[in-house]
Amino acid sequence: MRAITARDRAAGVDGLALADLPYPHASENDVIVRVHAAGFTRGELDWPGTWTDRAGHDRAPSVPGHELSGVVAELGYGTTGLTVGQSVFGLADWTRNGSLAEYTAVEARNLAPLPAGVDHVAAAALPISGLTAWQALFDHADLKAGQTVLVHGVGGAVGTIAVQLAREAGAHVIGTGRASDQDAARDLGVQRFLDLDSDRLEDAGGVDVVLDVIGGEIRDRSTALIRPGGTLVTIADPPTVQPSGGRAIFFVVEPDRGQLTQLADRLRDGRIVPLVSTVRDLADAPAAFAPGVRGRTIVTVAAD
């Protein structure tokens, strides 16, 4: 099969290439997915899991990419809940070969059925950003209707989904970003927009929830905005300051079939729309990792 391989950590993006690899092995409780569309995170070439397995052993050359949408081609021993020929989407495992390949072995629990009529490209753009936004807002911050949430980086993949989920939940949404993000933020339902280059963050006033994807000074300044009992949730790095009367937490997204299913239902019904800036073929995927490339890229692998 064809796949994008990362052969040398020191080489970074220059070490990415299209190559022929053996068809993957389906271990117990695995699914082999024929990948139709895949997503990736540009920073994953720096992640330890890209280069080592769960035991810490070197596994280069590795296949990057962790989001995927496709069709079940094979079931491993003991796999239940999915069937051959079924359309699925979800997350490839962090420490195994990923989704930028024609076939990928994935733990079945990391996948959810894809509703009929849902586009594979849109589905591949949803797992990491959708699960991150869902878990931040509802699992960690316990967002409720009528509360105020401040979403940093509304122009990004996580921010885009977070705004849509928060608005559906009945929250008042304040968004931050650059001036170029303002129109898109308003279209998503942001009720107040702050330009981080020209507006004062402190003018947001008191909020119940902050979802931070930036970290550093912005994260620390945001703690002063948290109302008593409120929560700042960050995916950038662990917080160094705790809000008075509230809490600040850092988390890493986890696969969850139930949450993926709820996200897929919203995608099917048009209640959420993931961010997709560019679509590339598999052979062109390495160029999308290059420094300076902006926006959300989804890679098409197999034809529908």
C-alpha atoms as a PDB file:
ATOM      1  CA  MET A   1       0.000   0.000   0.000  1.00  0.00           C
ATOM      2  CA  ARG A   2       1.009   3.644  -0.380  1.00  0.00           C
ATOM      3  CA  ALA A   3       1.655   5.762   2.701  1.00  0.00           C
ATOM      4  CA  ILE A   4       3.421   8.913   3.826  1.00  0.00           C
ATOM      5  CA  THR A   5       6.407   7.950   5.953  1.00  0.00           C
ATOM      6  CA  ALA A   6       8.441   9.962   8.433  1.00  0.00           C
ATOM      7  CA  ARG A   7      11.923   8.439   8.432  1.00  0.00           C
ATOM      8  CA  ASP A   8      14.134  10.723  10.509  1.00  0.00           C
ATOM      9  CA  ARG A   9      13.078  12.888  13.449  1.00  0.00           C
ATOM     10  CA  ALA A  10      15.977  15.265  12.902  1.00  0.00           C
ATOM     11  CA  ALA A  11      14.974  15.782   9.263  1.00  0.00           C
ATOM     12  CA  GLY A  12      11.506  17.020  10.199  1.00  0.00           C
ATOM     13  CA  VAL A  13       9.315  17.843   7.202  1.00  0.00           C
ATOM     14  CA  ASP A  14      12.185  17.049   4.818  1.00  0.00           C
ATOM     15  CA  GLY A  15      12.034  13.444   6.011  1.00  0.00           C
ATOM     16  CA  LEU A  16       8.451  12.934   4.805  1.00  0.00           C
ATOM     17  CA  ALA A  17       7.938  10.948   1.609  1.00  0.00           C
ATOM     18  CA  LEU A  18       5.405   8.814  -0.216  1.00  0.00           C
ATOM     19  CA  ALA A  19       6.468   5.170   0.033  1.00  0.00           C
ATOM     20  CA  ASP A  20       5.228   1.600  -0.351  1.00  0.00           C
ATOM     21  CA  LEU A  21       4.599  -0.215   2.950  1.00  0.00           C
ATOM     22  CA  PRO A  22       3.228  -3.662   3.797  1.00  0.00           C
ATOM     23  CA  TYR A  23      -0.503  -3.983   4.395  1.00  0.00           C
ATOM     24  CA  PRO A  24      -1.084  -3.545   8.157  1.00  0.00           C
ATOM     25  CA  HIS A  25      -1.734  -6.430  10.534  1.00  0.00           C
ATOM     26  CA  ALA A  26      -5.052  -6.523  12.405  1.00  0.00           C
ATOM     27  CA  SER A  27      -4.312  -7.317  16.039  1.00  0.00           C
ATOM     28  CA  GLU A  28      -6.935  -8.408  18.563  1.00  0.00           C
ATOM     29  CA  ASN A  29      -9.831  -5.901  18.736  1.00  0.00           C
ATOM     30  CA  ASP A  30      -8.429  -4.021  15.739  1.00  0.00           C
ATOM     31  CA  VAL A  31     -10.090  -2.785  12.593  1.00  0.00           C
ATOM     32  CA  ILE A  32      -8.326  -2.298   9.263  1.00  0.00           C
ATOM     33  CA  VAL A  33      -9.754   0.832   7.664  1.00  0.00           C
ATOM     34  CA  ARG A  34      -9.471   1.617   3.969  1.00  0.00           C
ATOM     35  CA  VAL A  35      -8.813   5.322   4.409  1.00  0.00           C
ATOM     36  CA  HIS A  36     -10.820   7.713   2.242  1.00  0.00           C
ATOM     37  CA  ALA A  37      -9.739  10.946   3.948  1.00  0.00           C
ATOM     38  CA  ALA A  38      -7.243  11.764   6.684  1.00  0.00           C
ATOM     39  CA  GLY A  39      -6.310  14.645   8.928  1.00  0.00           C
ATOM     40  CA  PHE A  40      -3.097  15.451  10.744  1.00  0.00           C
ATOM     41  CA  THR A  41      -1.577  17.934  13.183  1.00  0.00           C
ATOM     42  CA  ARG A  42       1.511  19.748  11.905  1.00  0.00           C
ATOM     43  CA  GLY A  43       3.238  19.526  15.272  1.00  0.00           C
ATOM     44  CA  GLU A  44       3.007  15.761  15.483  1.00  0.00           C
ATOM     45  CA  LEU A  45       6.477  15.296  13.997  1.00  0.00           C
ATOM     46  CA  ASP A  46       7.682  16.496  17.402  1.00  0.00           C
ATOM     47  CA  TRP A  47       5.469  14.115  19.403  1.00  0.00           C
ATOM     48  CA  PRO A  48       7.264  11.190  21.106  1.00  0.00           C
ATOM     49  CA  GLY A  49       4.505   8.812  19.965  1.00  0.00           C
ATOM     50  CA  THR A  50       5.338   9.515  16.337  1.00  0.00           C
ATOM     51  CA  TRP A  51       8.729   7.878  16.805  1.00  0.00           C
ATOM     52  CA  THR A  52       8.317   5.302  19.579  1.00  0.00           C
ATOM     53  CA  ASP A  53       5.784   2.613  20.450  1.00  0.00           C
ATOM     54  CA  ARG A  54       4.048   2.169  23.801  1.00  0.00           C
ATOM     55  CA  ALA A  55       7.094   0.392  25.188  1.00  0.00           C
ATOM     56  CA  GLY A  56       9.390   3.242  24.153  1.00  0.00           C
ATOM     57  CA  HIS A  57      11.019   1.331  21.278  1.00  0.00           C
ATOM     58  CA  ASP A  58      11.953   3.156  18.085  1.00  0.00           C
ATOM     59  CA  ARG A  59       9.427   2.565  15.285  1.00  0.00           C
ATOM     60  CA  ALA A  60      10.751   4.759  12.460  1.00  0.00           C
ATOM     61  CA  PRO A  61       9.845   4.913   9.667  1.00  0.00           C
ATOM     62  CA  SER A  62       6.391   5.811  10.943  1.00  0.00           C
ATOM     63  CA  VAL A  63       3.186   6.978   9.284  1.00  0.00           C
ATOM     64  CA  PRO A  64       1.857  10.306  10.620  1.00  0.00           C
ATOM     65  CA  GLY A  65      -1.754  11.418  10.826  1.00  0.00           C
ATOM     66  CA  HIS A  66      -4.362  10.443  13.425  1.00  0.00           C
ATOM     67  CA  GLU A  67      -7.772  11.487  12.075  1.00  0.00           C
ATOM     68  CA  LEU A  68      -9.441   9.330   9.471  1.00  0.00           C
ATOM     69  CA  SER A  69     -12.671   8.502   7.719  1.00  0.00           C
ATOM     70  CA  GLY A  70     -13.114   5.429   5.566  1.00  0.00           C
ATOM     71  CA  VAL A  71     -14.553   1.947   5.242  1.00  0.00           C
ATOM     72  CA  VAL A  72     -13.891  -1.149   7.353  1.00  0.00           C
ATOM     73  CA  ALA A  73     -11.836  -3.591   5.268  1.00  0.00           C
ATOM     74  CA  GLU A  74     -11.051  -6.233   7.905  1.00  0.00           C
ATOM     75  CA  LEU A  75     -11.797  -7.104  11.531  1.00  0.00           C
ATOM     76  CA  GLY A  76      -9.191  -8.406  13.942  1.00  0.00           C
ATOM     77  CA  TYR A  77      -9.844 -11.321  16.273  1.00  0.00           C
ATOM     78  CA  GLY A  78     -12.468 -10.476  18.895  1.00  0.00           C
ATOM     79  CA  THR A  79     -13.530  -7.203  17.296  1.00  0.00           C
ATOM     80  CA  THR A  80     -17.214  -6.409  17.833  1.00  0.00           C
ATOM     81  CA  GLY A  81     -19.535  -3.495  17.177  1.00  0.00           C
ATOM     82  CA  LEU A  82     -18.402  -2.828  13.597  1.00  0.00           C
ATOM     83  CA  THR A  83     -18.753  -4.741  10.326  1.00  0.00           C
ATOM     84  CA  VAL A  84     -16.761  -5.115   7.115  1.00  0.00           C
ATOM     85  CA  GLY A  85     -17.939  -2.583   4.542  1.00  0.00           C
ATOM     86  CA  GLN A  86     -19.212  -0.132   7.165  1.00  0.00           C
ATOM     87  CA  SER A  87     -18.248   3.545   6.919  1.00  0.00           C
ATOM     88  CA  VAL A  88     -16.437   4.742  10.054  1.00  0.00           C
ATOM     89  CA  PHE A  89     -14.426   7.677  11.324  1.00  0.00           C
ATOM     90  CA  GLY A  90     -12.293   8.392  14.367  1.00  0.00           C
ATOM     91  CA  LEU A  91      -8.762   8.461  15.730  1.00  0.00           C
ATOM     92  CA  ALA A  92      -5.797   6.294  14.831  1.00  0.00           C
ATOM     93  CA  ASP A  93      -3.744   5.264  17.837  1.00  0.00           C
ATOM     94  CA  TRP A  94      -1.086   7.728  19.034  1.00  0.00           C
ATOM     95  CA  THR A  95       1.842   5.266  19.087  1.00  0.00           C
ATOM     96  CA  ARG A  96       1.115   3.248  15.931  1.00  0.00           C
ATOM     97  CA  ASN A  97       1.203   4.021  12.235  1.00  0.00           C
ATOM     98  CA  GLY A  98      -1.386   6.645  11.447  1.00  0.00           C
ATOM     99  CA  SER A  99      -3.916   7.684   8.868  1.00  0.00           C
ATOM    100  CA  LEU A 100      -1.841   9.059   5.968  1.00  0.00           C
ATOM    101  CA  ALA A 101      -1.960   5.674   4.304  1.00  0.00           C
ATOM    102  CA  GLU A 102      -4.289   3.646   2.108  1.00  0.00           C
ATOM    103  CA  TYR A 103      -4.969   1.240   4.981  1.00  0.00           C
ATOM    104  CA  THR A 104      -4.609   1.784   8.736  1.00  0.00           C
ATOM    105  CA  ALA A 105      -4.951  -0.548  11.717  1.00  0.00           C
ATOM    106  CA  VAL A 106      -6.985   1.096  14.484  1.00  0.00           C
ATOM    107  CA  GLU A 107      -8.415  -0.073  17.793  1.00  0.00           C
ATOM    108  CA  ALA A 108     -12.135  -0.555  17.171  1.00  0.00           C
ATOM    109  CA  ARG A 109     -13.085   1.446  20.275  1.00  0.00           C
ATOM    110  CA  ASN A 110     -11.475   4.537  18.697  1.00  0.00           C
ATOM    111  CA  LEU A 111     -13.943   4.494  15.793  1.00  0.00           C
ATOM    112  CA  ALA A 112     -17.630   5.320  15.379  1.00  0.00           C
ATOM    113  CA  PRO A 113     -20.069   4.588  12.556  1.00  0.00           C
ATOM    114  CA  LEU A 114     -20.335   7.352   9.982  1.00  0.00           C
ATOM    115  CA  PRO A 115     -23.934   8.227   9.088  1.00  0.00           C
ATOM    116  CA  ALA A 116     -25.013   7.750   5.487  1.00  0.00           C
ATOM    117  CA  GLY A 117     -24.500  10.781   3.306  1.00  0.00           C
ATOM    118  CA  VAL A 118     -21.750  12.355   5.422  1.00  0.00           C
ATOM    119  CA  ASP A 119     -18.721  13.355   3.366  1.00  0.00           C
ATOM    120  CA  HIS A 120     -15.451  11.616   4.263  1.00  0.00           C
ATOM    121  CA  VAL A 121     -13.480  14.878   4.015  1.00  0.00           C
ATOM    122  CA  ALA A 122     -15.724  16.624   6.551  1.00  0.00           C
ATOM    123  CA  ALA A 123     -15.673  13.567   8.821  1.00  0.00           C
ATOM    124  CA  ALA A 124     -11.856  13.380   8.772  1.00  0.00           C
ATOM    125  CA  ALA A 125     -11.699  16.997   9.945  1.00  0.00           C
ATOM    126  CA  LEU A 126     -13.812  16.320  13.020  1.00  0.00           C
ATOM    127  CA  PRO A 127     -12.268  13.760  15.447  1.00  0.00           C
ATOM    128  CA  ILE A 128      -9.493  15.711  17.211  1.00  0.00           C
ATOM    129  CA  SER A 129     -11.075  19.154  17.079  1.00  0.00           C
ATOM    130  CA  GLY A 130     -14.554  17.839  17.864  1.00  0.00           C
ATOM    131  CA  LEU A 131     -13.530  15.612  20.748  1.00  0.00           C
ATOM    132  CA  THR A 132     -11.236  18.307  22.152  1.00  0.00           C
ATOM    133  CA  ALA A 133     -13.993  20.908  22.121  1.00  0.00           C
ATOM    134  CA  TRP A 134     -16.577  18.493  23.529  1.00  0.00           C
ATOM    135  CA  GLN A 135     -14.378  17.217  26.352  1.00  0.00           C
ATOM    136  CA  ALA A 136     -13.164  20.708  27.254  1.00  0.00           C
ATOM    137  CA  LEU A 137     -16.609  22.265  27.429  1.00  0.00           C
ATOM    138  CA  PHE A 138     -18.712  19.453  28.848  1.00  0.00           C
ATOM    139  CA  ASP A 139     -16.450  16.889  30.545  1.00  0.00           C
ATOM    140  CA  HIS A 140     -13.981  19.272  32.164  1.00  0.00           C
ATOM    141  CA  ALA A 141     -15.811  22.616  32.411  1.00  0.00           C
ATOM    142  CA  ASP A 142     -19.388  21.278  32.792  1.00  0.00           C
ATOM    143  CA  LEU A 143     -20.745  24.090  30.617  1.00  0.00           C
ATOM    144  CA  LYS A 144     -24.427  24.887  31.163  1.00  0.00           C
ATOM    145  CA  ALA A 145     -27.051  26.930  29.336  1.00  0.00           C
ATOM    146  CA  GLY A 146     -26.927  30.605  30.288  1.00  0.00           C
ATOM    147  CA  GLN A 147     -23.232  30.579  31.186  1.00  0.00           C
ATOM    148  CA  THR A 148     -20.606  32.697  29.449  1.00  0.00           C
ATOM    149  CA  VAL A 149     -17.693  30.985  27.715  1.00  0.00           C
ATOM    150  CA  LEU A 150     -14.575  32.635  26.296  1.00  0.00           C
ATOM    151  CA  VAL A 151     -13.093  30.667  23.397  1.00  0.00           C
ATOM    152  CA  HIS A 152      -9.560  31.582  22.380  1.00  0.00           C
ATOM    153  CA  GLY A 153      -8.537  31.000  18.781  1.00  0.00           C
ATOM    154  CA  VAL A 154     -12.009  30.939  17.230  1.00  0.00           C
ATOM    155  CA  GLY A 155     -10.405  30.915  13.777  1.00  0.00           C
ATOM    156  CA  GLY A 156      -8.823  27.503  14.388  1.00  0.00           C
ATOM    157  CA  ALA A 157     -10.155  23.956  14.130  1.00  0.00           C
ATOM    158  CA  VAL A 158     -10.899  23.501  17.855  1.00  0.00           C
ATOM    159  CA  GLY A 159     -12.270  27.013  18.300  1.00  0.00           C
ATOM    160  CA  THR A 160     -14.600  26.623  15.327  1.00  0.00           C
ATOM    161  CA  ILE A 161     -16.241  23.509  16.778  1.00  0.00           C
ATOM    162  CA  ALA A 162     -16.232  24.849  20.350  1.00  0.00           C
ATOM    163  CA  VAL A 163     -18.214  27.934  19.357  1.00  0.00           C
ATOM    164  CA  GLN A 164     -20.842  25.844  17.574  1.00  0.00           C
ATOM    165  CA  LEU A 165     -21.209  23.405  20.465  1.00  0.00           C
ATOM    166  CA  ALA A 166     -21.367  26.172  23.064  1.00  0.00           C
ATOM    167  CA  ARG A 167     -24.019  28.092  21.150  1.00  0.00           C
ATOM    168  CA  GLU A 168     -26.099  24.919  20.730  1.00  0.00           C
ATOM    169  CA  ALA A 169     -25.825  24.366  24.493  1.00  0.00           C
ATOM    170  CA  GLY A 170     -27.289  27.808  25.132  1.00  0.00           C
ATOM    171  CA  ALA A 171     -24.128  29.577  26.277  1.00  0.00           C
ATOM    172  CA  HIS A 172     -23.153  33.188  25.624  1.00  0.00           C
ATOM    173  CA  VAL A 173     -19.943  33.026  23.562  1.00  0.00           C
ATOM    174  CA  ILE A 174     -17.048  35.482  23.480  1.00  0.00           C
ATOM    175  CA  GLY A 175     -14.346  34.674  20.950  1.00  0.00           C
ATOM    176  CA  THR A 176     -10.791  35.865  20.457  1.00  0.00           C
ATOM    177  CA  GLY A 177      -8.573  35.817  17.400  1.00  0.00           C
ATOM    178  CA  ARG A 178      -7.084  38.063  14.764  1.00  0.00           C
ATOM    179  CA  ALA A 179      -8.964  40.722  12.846  1.00  0.00           C
ATOM    180  CA  SER A 180      -9.215  38.389   9.852  1.00  0.00           C
ATOM    181  CA  ASP A 181     -11.175  35.896  11.999  1.00  0.00           C
ATOM    182  CA  GLN A 182     -13.940  38.297  12.996  1.00  0.00           C
ATOM    183  CA  ASP A 183     -16.420  37.776  10.147  1.00  0.00           C
ATOM    184  CA  ALA A 184     -16.175  33.984  10.310  1.00  0.00           C
ATOM    185  CA  ALA A 185     -16.556  34.116  14.099  1.00  0.00           C
ATOM    186  CA  ARG A 186     -19.753  36.146  13.796  1.00  0.00           C
ATOM    187  CA  ASP A 187     -21.099  33.661  11.260  1.00  0.00           C
ATOM    188  CA  LEU A 188     -20.464  30.824  13.713  1.00  0.00           C
ATOM    189  CA  GLY A 189     -22.470  32.566  16.420  1.00  0.00           C
ATOM    190  CA  VAL A 190     -19.862  34.430  18.471  1.00  0.00           C
ATOM    191  CA  GLN A 191     -21.740  37.212  20.255  1.00  0.00           C
ATOM    192  CA  ARG A 192     -18.668  39.279  21.067  1.00  0.00           C
ATOM    193  CA  PHE A 193     -15.291  39.226  19.359  1.00  0.00           C
ATOM    194  CA  LEU A 194     -11.972  40.456  20.777  1.00  0.00           C
ATOM    195  CA  ASP A 195      -9.030  41.103  18.478  1.00  0.00           C
ATOM    196  CA  LEU A 196      -5.967  39.950  20.418  1.00  0.00           C
ATOM    197  CA  ASP A 197      -3.830  42.495  18.541  1.00  0.00           C
ATOM    198  CA  SER A 198      -5.917  45.568  19.329  1.00  0.00           C
ATOM    199  CA  ASP A 199      -8.488  44.847  22.078  1.00  0.00           C
ATOM    200  CA  ARG A 200      -7.918  44.366  25.792  1.00  0.00           C
ATOM    201  CA  LEU A 201      -8.553  40.803  26.885  1.00  0.00           C
ATOM    202  CA  GLU A 202      -9.657  42.098  30.268  1.00  0.00           C
ATOM    203  CA  ASP A 203     -12.606  43.861  28.583  1.00  0.00           C
ATOM    204  CA  ALA A 204     -14.260  40.453  28.250  1.00  0.00           C
ATOM    205  CA  GLY A 205     -15.369  40.795  31.870  1.00  0.00           C
ATOM    206  CA  GLY A 206     -16.234  37.832  34.049  1.00  0.00           C
ATOM    207  CA  VAL A 207     -16.816  34.452  32.398  1.00  0.00           C
ATOM    208  CA  ASP A 208     -17.734  30.984  33.609  1.00  0.00           C
ATOM    209  CA  VAL A 209     -15.520  29.012  31.213  1.00  0.00           C
ATOM    210  CA  VAL A 210     -12.358  29.728  29.241  1.00  0.00           C
ATOM    211  CA  LEU A 211     -11.213  27.340  26.522  1.00  0.00           C
ATOM    212  CA  ASP A 212      -7.559  28.097  25.811  1.00  0.00           C
ATOM    213  CA  VAL A 213      -5.596  26.803  22.821  1.00  0.00           C
ATOM    214  CA  ILE A 214      -2.815  29.415  22.991  1.00  0.00           C
ATOM    215  CA  GLY A 215      -1.142  29.066  26.383  1.00  0.00           C
ATOM    216  CA  GLY A 216       1.496  31.345  27.877  1.00  0.00           C
ATOM    217  CA  GLU A 217       0.582  34.911  28.733  1.00  0.00           C
ATOM    218  CA  ILE A 218      -2.907  34.713  27.206  1.00  0.00           C
ATOM    219  CA  ARG A 219      -3.734  31.662  29.319  1.00  0.00           C
ATOM    220  CA  ASP A 220      -2.393  33.263  32.497  1.00  0.00           C
ATOM    221  CA  ARG A 221      -4.218  36.571  31.944  1.00  0.00           C
ATOM    222  CA  SER A 222      -7.418  34.658  31.303  1.00  0.00           C
ATOM    223  CA  THR A 223      -7.436  33.190  34.806  1.00  0.00           C
ATOM    224  CA  ALA A 224      -8.375  36.618  36.182  1.00  0.00           C
ATOM    225  CA  LEU A 225     -11.600  36.488  34.147  1.00  0.00           C
ATOM    226  CA  ILE A 226     -12.920  33.298  35.756  1.00  0.00           C
ATOM    227  CA  ARG A 227     -15.935  33.788  38.012  1.00  0.00           C
ATOM    228  CA  PRO A 228     -16.163  31.893  41.327  1.00  0.00           C
ATOM    229  CA  GLY A 229     -16.773  28.238  40.567  1.00  0.00           C
ATOM    230  CA  GLY A 230     -15.655  28.654  36.974  1.00  0.00           C
ATOM    231  CA  THR A 231     -13.090  26.713  34.963  1.00  0.00           C
ATOM    232  CA  LEU A 232     -10.238  27.473  32.587  1.00  0.00           C
ATOM    233  CA  VAL A 233      -9.457  24.501  30.356  1.00  0.00           C
ATOM    234  CA  THR A 234      -6.262  24.550  28.303  1.00  0.00           C
ATOM    235  CA  ILE A 235      -4.832  22.171  25.733  1.00  0.00           C
ATOM    236  CA  ALA A 236      -1.663  24.246  25.206  1.00  0.00           C
ATOM    237  CA  ASP A 237       0.352  23.466  28.333  1.00  0.00           C
ATOM    238  CA  PRO A 238      -0.251  22.985  32.069  1.00  0.00           C
ATOM    239  CA  PRO A 239      -1.440  26.183  33.816  1.00  0.00           C
ATOM    240  CA  THR A 240       0.945  28.020  36.119  1.00  0.00           C
ATOM    241  CA  VAL A 241      -1.715  30.214  37.741  1.00  0.00           C
ATOM    242  CA  GLN A 242      -4.993  29.167  39.345  1.00  0.00           C
ATOM    243  CA  PRO A 243      -8.033  31.486  39.231  1.00  0.00           C
ATOM    244  CA  SER A 244      -9.375  32.813  42.515  1.00  0.00           C
ATOM    245  CA  GLY A 245     -12.391  30.724  43.467  1.00  0.00           C
ATOM    246  CA  GLY A 246     -12.146  28.598  40.335  1.00  0.00           C
ATOM    247  CA  ARG A 247      -9.796  26.115  38.733  1.00  0.00           C
ATOM    248  CA  ALA A 248      -7.500  25.780  35.728  1.00  0.00           C
ATOM    249  CA  ILE A 249      -6.792  22.389  34.159  1.00  0.00           C
ATOM    250  CA  PHE A 250      -4.798  20.943  31.273  1.00  0.00           C
ATOM    251  CA  PHE A 251      -5.920  17.856  29.372  1.00  0.00           C
ATOM    252  CA  VAL A 252      -5.095  15.723  26.364  1.00  0.00           C
ATOM    253  CA  VAL A 253      -7.959  14.590  24.142  1.00  0.00           C
ATOM    254  CA  GLU A 254      -9.065  10.955  24.386  1.00  0.00           C
ATOM    255  CA  PRO A 255     -10.954   8.771  21.899  1.00  0.00           C
ATOM    256  CA  ASP A 256     -14.603   8.236  22.814  1.00  0.00           C
ATOM    257  CA  ARG A 257     -17.023   6.359  20.541  1.00  0.00           C
ATOM    258  CA  GLY A 258     -20.108   7.795  22.219  1.00  0.00           C
ATOM    259  CA  GLN A 259     -18.922  11.366  21.776  1.00  0.00           C
ATOM    260  CA  LEU A 260     -17.850  10.694  18.186  1.00  0.00           C
ATOM    261  CA  THR A 261     -21.350   9.393  17.504  1.00  0.00           C
ATOM    262  CA  GLN A 262     -22.947  12.537  18.906  1.00  0.00           C
ATOM    263  CA  LEU A 263     -20.593  14.693  16.844  1.00  0.00           C
ATOM    264  CA  ALA A 264     -21.396  12.676  13.716  1.00  0.00           C
ATOM    265  CA  ASP A 265     -25.116  13.219  14.267  1.00  0.00           C
ATOM    266  CA  ARG A 266     -24.547  16.966  14.458  1.00  0.00           C
ATOM    267  CA  LEU A 267     -22.377  16.861  11.344  1.00  0.00           C
ATOM    268  CA  ARG A 268     -25.065  14.960   9.438  1.00  0.00           C
ATOM    269  CA  ASP A 269     -27.762  17.424  10.522  1.00  0.00           C
ATOM    270  CA  GLY A 270     -25.653  20.492   9.724  1.00  0.00           C
ATOM    271  CA  ARG A 271     -25.533  21.605  13.357  1.00  0.00           C
ATOM    272  CA  ILE A 272     -21.737  21.707  13.265  1.00  0.00           C
ATOM    273  CA  VAL A 273     -19.402  22.350  10.352  1.00  0.00           C
ATOM    274  CA  PRO A 274     -15.686  21.526  10.825  1.00  0.00           C
ATOM    275  CA  LEU A 275     -12.964  23.761   9.492  1.00  0.00           C
ATOM    276  CA  VAL A 276     -11.437  22.629   6.182  1.00  0.00           C
ATOM    277  CA  SER A 277      -9.194  25.124   4.391  1.00  0.00           C
ATOM    278  CA  THR A 278      -7.448  22.919   1.820  1.00  0.00           C
ATOM    279  CA  VAL A 279      -7.856  19.416   0.398  1.00  0.00           C
ATOM    280  CA  ARG A 280      -4.766  17.623  -0.980  1.00  0.00           C
ATOM    281  CA  ASP A 281      -4.029  14.239  -2.506  1.00  0.00           C
ATOM    282  CA  LEU A 282      -1.922  11.767  -0.546  1.00  0.00           C
ATOM    283  CA  ALA A 283       1.165  12.400  -2.671  1.00  0.00           C
ATOM    284  CA  ASP A 284       0.974  16.117  -1.846  1.00  0.00           C
ATOM    285  CA  ALA A 285       0.581  15.648   1.915  1.00  0.00           C
ATOM    286  CA  PRO A 286       4.248  16.334   2.870  1.00  0.00           C
ATOM    287  CA  ALA A 287       4.001  19.885   1.521  1.00  0.00           C
ATOM    288  CA  ALA A 288       1.125  20.597   3.910  1.00  0.00           C
ATOM    289  CA  PHE A 289       3.454  20.054   6.907  1.00  0.00           C
ATOM    290  CA  ALA A 290       5.802  22.833   5.776  1.00  0.00           C
ATOM    291  CA  PRO A 291       6.335  25.844   8.069  1.00  0.00           C
ATOM    292  CA  GLY A 292       4.208  28.802   7.087  1.00  0.00           C
ATOM    293  CA  VAL A 293       1.347  26.739   5.643  1.00  0.00           C
ATOM    294  CA  ARG A 294      -1.819  27.983   7.306  1.00  0.00           C
ATOM    295  CA  GLY A 295      -5.302  26.582   7.620  1.00  0.00           C
ATOM    296  CA  ARG A 296      -6.719  23.103   8.063  1.00  0.00           C
ATOM    297  CA  THR A 297      -5.632  20.566   5.437  1.00  0.00           C
ATOM    298  CA  ILE A 298      -7.444  17.284   4.822  1.00  0.00           C
ATOM    299  CA  VAL A 299      -5.830  14.599   2.678  1.00  0.00           C
ATOM    300  CA  THR A 300      -7.863  12.439   0.303  1.00  0.00           C
ATOM    301  CA  VAL A 301      -6.601   8.884  -0.055  1.00  0.00           C
ATOM    302  CA  ALA A 302      -9.133   6.492  -1.629  1.00  0.00           C
ATOM    303  CA  ALA A 303     -11.915   7.597  -3.950  1.00  0.00           C
ATOM    304  CA  ASP A 304     -15.508   7.328  -2.745  1.00  0.00           C
END
